[in-house]
Amino acid sequence: MKPGIQNTLSPHTTIFYKLQARSHVTLTVFDALGRLIATLVNEVEEQGDKSVNFNANGLASGEYWYQLFVRIAGQNGKSKSCTKREKLLSLK
């Protein structure tokens, strides 16, 4: 999983990530106080390169975070998971 962003959050941003295997993905955006702003993805996705657009219209200037949580179901009921957090800056 290698997440990244195309630009700062002003006002349209594309978040990129790559899945190594079929996984359950949750991609959320939080403000600087940790309040949930949006859930962009919450579903099972197939392996490959992914991108999600986020529209920040209506958000105040400031610091935001996106969190990408990936859970891969393994054999024998065991699963692996990974969480990545990245900062977004809203500049207006």
N, C-alpha and C. Protein backbone atom coordinates (compact mmCIF):
# COMPACT_ATOMS: atom_id res chain seq x y z
N MET A 1 0.85 -1.17 0.00
CA MET A 1 0.00 0.00 0.00
C MET A 1 0.89 1.23 0.00
N LYS A 2 0.75 2.07 -1.01
CA LYS A 2 1.53 3.29 -1.10
C LYS A 2 0.60 4.45 -1.39
N PRO A 3 0.06 5.06 -0.34
CA PRO A 3 -0.85 6.18 -0.59
C PRO A 3 -0.10 7.45 -0.94
N GLY A 4 -0.79 8.36 -1.56
CA GLY A 4 -0.23 9.66 -1.89
C GLY A 4 -1.33 10.59 -2.31
N ILE A 5 -1.00 11.85 -2.45
CA ILE A 5 -2.00 12.81 -2.90
C ILE A 5 -1.48 13.56 -4.11
N GLN A 6 -2.40 14.03 -4.91
CA GLN A 6 -2.03 14.76 -6.12
C GLN A 6 -1.67 16.20 -5.79
N ASN A 7 -2.35 16.81 -4.85
CA ASN A 7 -2.09 18.22 -4.52
C ASN A 7 -2.59 18.50 -3.12
N THR A 8 -2.44 19.75 -2.71
CA THR A 8 -3.02 20.13 -1.43
C THR A 8 -4.54 20.15 -1.57
N LEU A 9 -5.20 20.23 -0.47
CA LEU A 9 -6.65 20.15 -0.43
C LEU A 9 -7.26 21.50 -0.78
N SER A 10 -7.32 21.82 -2.06
CA SER A 10 -7.79 23.16 -2.44
C SER A 10 -8.45 23.19 -3.81
N PRO A 11 -9.73 23.04 -3.94
CA PRO A 11 -10.64 22.31 -3.08
C PRO A 11 -10.83 20.86 -3.51
N HIS A 12 -10.29 20.48 -4.67
CA HIS A 12 -10.43 19.11 -5.14
C HIS A 12 -9.08 18.39 -5.03
N THR A 13 -9.10 17.23 -4.41
CA THR A 13 -7.89 16.46 -4.21
C THR A 13 -8.13 15.03 -4.64
N THR A 14 -7.11 14.42 -5.24
CA THR A 14 -7.17 13.00 -5.58
C THR A 14 -6.19 12.26 -4.69
N ILE A 15 -6.68 11.24 -4.00
CA ILE A 15 -5.85 10.41 -3.14
C ILE A 15 -5.60 9.10 -3.88
N PHE A 16 -4.34 8.74 -4.01
CA PHE A 16 -3.94 7.52 -4.71
C PHE A 16 -3.45 6.47 -3.72
N TYR A 17 -3.71 5.20 -4.01
CA TYR A 17 -3.14 4.09 -3.25
C TYR A 17 -3.12 2.85 -4.12
N LYS A 18 -2.32 1.89 -3.71
CA LYS A 18 -2.17 0.65 -4.47
C LYS A 18 -2.40 -0.52 -3.54
N LEU A 19 -3.24 -1.45 -3.95
CA LEU A 19 -3.52 -2.65 -3.17
C LEU A 19 -2.76 -3.83 -3.74
N GLN A 20 -2.09 -4.55 -2.88
CA GLN A 20 -1.32 -5.72 -3.30
C GLN A 20 -2.19 -6.96 -3.47
N ALA A 21 -3.37 -6.96 -2.86
CA ALA A 21 -4.30 -8.08 -2.93
C ALA A 21 -5.71 -7.56 -2.70
N ARG A 22 -6.70 -8.38 -2.97
CA ARG A 22 -8.09 -8.03 -2.68
C ARG A 22 -8.20 -7.72 -1.19
N SER A 23 -8.78 -6.57 -0.84
CA SER A 23 -8.75 -6.09 0.54
C SER A 23 -10.01 -5.31 0.88
N HIS A 24 -10.31 -5.28 2.18
CA HIS A 24 -11.33 -4.35 2.64
C HIS A 24 -10.63 -3.03 2.94
N VAL A 25 -11.13 -1.95 2.35
CA VAL A 25 -10.49 -0.64 2.45
C VAL A 25 -11.45 0.34 3.12
N THR A 26 -10.90 1.09 4.08
CA THR A 26 -11.64 2.21 4.66
C THR A 26 -10.75 3.44 4.53
N LEU A 27 -11.27 4.46 3.87
CA LEU A 27 -10.54 5.71 3.67
C LEU A 27 -11.40 6.83 4.24
N THR A 28 -10.87 7.49 5.28
CA THR A 28 -11.63 8.51 5.98
C THR A 28 -10.82 9.80 6.07
N VAL A 29 -11.52 10.92 6.24
CA VAL A 29 -10.89 12.23 6.39
C VAL A 29 -11.31 12.80 7.75
N PHE A 30 -10.32 13.33 8.49
CA PHE A 30 -10.54 13.91 9.82
C PHE A 30 -10.03 15.33 9.86
N ASP A 31 -10.60 16.15 10.73
CA ASP A 31 -10.05 17.49 10.94
C ASP A 31 -8.92 17.41 11.97
N ALA A 32 -8.31 18.54 12.27
CA ALA A 32 -7.15 18.58 13.18
C ALA A 32 -7.51 18.15 14.60
N LEU A 33 -8.80 18.21 14.96
CA LEU A 33 -9.24 17.78 16.29
C LEU A 33 -9.64 16.31 16.34
N GLY A 34 -9.51 15.63 15.20
CA GLY A 34 -9.83 14.21 15.15
C GLY A 34 -11.28 13.90 14.85
N ARG A 35 -12.06 14.91 14.48
CA ARG A 35 -13.47 14.68 14.14
C ARG A 35 -13.58 14.16 12.71
N LEU A 36 -14.42 13.15 12.52
CA LEU A 36 -14.63 12.57 11.20
C LEU A 36 -15.32 13.58 10.29
N ILE A 37 -14.73 13.85 9.14
CA ILE A 37 -15.28 14.77 8.16
C ILE A 37 -16.00 14.01 7.05
N ALA A 38 -15.39 12.91 6.58
CA ALA A 38 -15.98 12.14 5.48
C ALA A 38 -15.43 10.73 5.46
N THR A 39 -16.26 9.80 5.02
CA THR A 39 -15.81 8.45 4.71
C THR A 39 -15.87 8.33 3.19
N LEU A 40 -14.71 8.18 2.57
CA LEU A 40 -14.63 8.17 1.11
C LEU A 40 -14.75 6.76 0.54
N VAL A 41 -14.25 5.77 1.28
CA VAL A 41 -14.32 4.37 0.85
C VAL A 41 -14.57 3.51 2.10
N ASN A 42 -15.43 2.53 1.96
CA ASN A 42 -15.65 1.53 3.01
C ASN A 42 -16.21 0.29 2.35
N GLU A 43 -15.33 -0.45 1.66
CA GLU A 43 -15.76 -1.61 0.88
C GLU A 43 -14.58 -2.49 0.52
N VAL A 44 -14.90 -3.66 0.00
CA VAL A 44 -13.88 -4.57 -0.51
C VAL A 44 -13.50 -4.12 -1.92
N GLU A 45 -12.20 -4.02 -2.16
CA GLU A 45 -11.70 -3.62 -3.48
C GLU A 45 -10.70 -4.65 -3.98
N GLU A 46 -10.63 -4.76 -5.28
CA GLU A 46 -9.70 -5.69 -5.92
C GLU A 46 -8.29 -5.10 -5.94
N GLN A 47 -7.32 -5.96 -6.16
CA GLN A 47 -5.91 -5.57 -6.26
C GLN A 47 -5.72 -4.54 -7.37
N GLY A 48 -4.74 -3.64 -7.17
CA GLY A 48 -4.39 -2.70 -8.23
C GLY A 48 -4.28 -1.27 -7.75
N ASP A 49 -4.04 -0.38 -8.71
CA ASP A 49 -3.92 1.04 -8.45
C ASP A 49 -5.31 1.65 -8.28
N LYS A 50 -5.47 2.49 -7.27
CA LYS A 50 -6.76 3.10 -6.96
C LYS A 50 -6.61 4.60 -6.81
N SER A 51 -7.69 5.32 -7.04
CA SER A 51 -7.72 6.76 -6.77
C SER A 51 -9.12 7.14 -6.33
N VAL A 52 -9.17 8.11 -5.42
CA VAL A 52 -10.44 8.60 -4.89
C VAL A 52 -10.40 10.12 -4.91
N ASN A 53 -11.44 10.74 -5.42
CA ASN A 53 -11.53 12.19 -5.43
C ASN A 53 -12.22 12.67 -4.16
N PHE A 54 -11.70 13.75 -3.60
CA PHE A 54 -12.29 14.36 -2.41
C PHE A 54 -12.53 15.83 -2.68
N ASN A 55 -13.77 16.27 -2.51
CA ASN A 55 -14.15 17.65 -2.72
C ASN A 55 -14.20 18.34 -1.37
N ALA A 56 -13.33 19.31 -1.16
CA ALA A 56 -13.23 20.01 0.12
C ALA A 56 -14.01 21.33 0.14
N ASN A 57 -14.88 21.54 -0.84
CA ASN A 57 -15.72 22.75 -0.80
C ASN A 57 -16.49 22.76 0.50
N GLY A 58 -16.55 23.90 1.13
CA GLY A 58 -17.28 24.02 2.38
C GLY A 58 -16.43 23.80 3.62
N LEU A 59 -15.20 23.33 3.45
CA LEU A 59 -14.30 23.14 4.59
C LEU A 59 -13.47 24.41 4.80
N ALA A 60 -13.24 24.74 6.05
CA ALA A 60 -12.41 25.89 6.37
C ALA A 60 -10.95 25.60 6.04
N SER A 61 -10.17 26.64 5.84
CA SER A 61 -8.72 26.46 5.67
C SER A 61 -8.16 25.84 6.93
N GLY A 62 -7.15 25.02 6.76
CA GLY A 62 -6.51 24.40 7.92
C GLY A 62 -5.96 23.03 7.61
N GLU A 63 -5.66 22.32 8.68
CA GLU A 63 -5.03 21.00 8.58
C GLU A 63 -6.08 19.91 8.69
N TYR A 64 -5.99 18.94 7.79
CA TYR A 64 -6.87 17.77 7.79
C TYR A 64 -5.98 16.54 7.61
N TRP A 65 -6.53 15.39 7.92
CA TRP A 65 -5.80 14.12 7.78
C TRP A 65 -6.69 13.12 7.07
N TYR A 66 -6.07 12.30 6.22
CA TYR A 66 -6.82 11.15 5.74
C TYR A 66 -6.17 9.91 6.30
N GLN A 67 -7.00 8.92 6.57
CA GLN A 67 -6.51 7.64 7.11
C GLN A 67 -6.97 6.53 6.19
N LEU A 68 -6.01 5.73 5.76
CA LEU A 68 -6.29 4.59 4.90
C LEU A 68 -6.06 3.33 5.72
N PHE A 69 -7.11 2.55 5.92
CA PHE A 69 -7.02 1.28 6.65
C PHE A 69 -7.33 0.17 5.67
N VAL A 70 -6.40 -0.80 5.57
CA VAL A 70 -6.53 -1.92 4.64
C VAL A 70 -6.45 -3.22 5.42
N ARG A 71 -7.44 -4.10 5.22
CA ARG A 71 -7.43 -5.42 5.85
C ARG A 71 -7.50 -6.48 4.76
N ILE A 72 -6.50 -7.36 4.76
CA ILE A 72 -6.43 -8.45 3.79
C ILE A 72 -6.77 -9.75 4.51
N ALA A 73 -7.80 -10.43 4.05
CA ALA A 73 -8.18 -11.72 4.65
C ALA A 73 -7.15 -12.77 4.25
N GLY A 74 -6.62 -13.45 5.24
CA GLY A 74 -5.64 -14.49 4.99
C GLY A 74 -6.24 -15.87 5.11
N GLN A 75 -5.39 -16.85 5.05
CA GLN A 75 -5.85 -18.22 5.18
C GLN A 75 -6.07 -18.55 6.65
N ASN A 76 -6.87 -19.58 6.92
CA ASN A 76 -7.16 -20.03 8.27
C ASN A 76 -7.81 -18.95 9.13
N GLY A 77 -8.54 -18.02 8.51
CA GLY A 77 -9.24 -17.00 9.25
C GLY A 77 -8.37 -15.87 9.76
N LYS A 78 -7.07 -15.91 9.50
CA LYS A 78 -6.18 -14.84 9.94
C LYS A 78 -6.15 -13.75 8.87
N SER A 79 -6.02 -12.51 9.33
CA SER A 79 -5.94 -11.41 8.39
C SER A 79 -4.78 -10.49 8.75
N LYS A 80 -4.35 -9.73 7.76
CA LYS A 80 -3.30 -8.73 7.97
C LYS A 80 -3.93 -7.36 7.76
N SER A 81 -3.44 -6.38 8.49
CA SER A 81 -3.97 -5.04 8.30
C SER A 81 -2.85 -4.01 8.33
N CYS A 82 -3.14 -2.87 7.74
CA CYS A 82 -2.18 -1.77 7.69
C CYS A 82 -2.96 -0.46 7.74
N THR A 83 -2.44 0.50 8.49
CA THR A 83 -3.05 1.82 8.56
C THR A 83 -2.02 2.87 8.20
N LYS A 84 -2.42 3.80 7.37
CA LYS A 84 -1.54 4.89 6.95
C LYS A 84 -2.29 6.20 7.12
N ARG A 85 -1.65 7.20 7.74
CA ARG A 85 -2.24 8.53 7.90
C ARG A 85 -1.35 9.54 7.19
N GLU A 86 -1.99 10.46 6.48
CA GLU A 86 -1.27 11.52 5.78
C GLU A 86 -1.99 12.85 6.00
N LYS A 87 -1.20 13.92 6.05
CA LYS A 87 -1.75 15.25 6.27
C LYS A 87 -2.21 15.88 4.96
N LEU A 88 -3.31 16.61 5.04
CA LEU A 88 -3.82 17.42 3.93
C LEU A 88 -3.92 18.86 4.43
N LEU A 89 -3.56 19.80 3.60
CA LEU A 89 -3.70 21.21 3.97
C LEU A 89 -4.72 21.88 3.07
N SER A 90 -5.70 22.51 3.68
CA SER A 90 -6.72 23.24 2.93
C SER A 90 -6.28 24.70 2.85
N LEU A 91 -6.03 25.15 1.63
CA LEU A 91 -5.59 26.53 1.40
C LEU A 91 -6.62 27.24 0.54
N LYS A 92 -7.18 28.30 1.09
CA LYS A 92 -8.21 29.03 0.32
C LYS A 92 -7.84 30.48 0.19
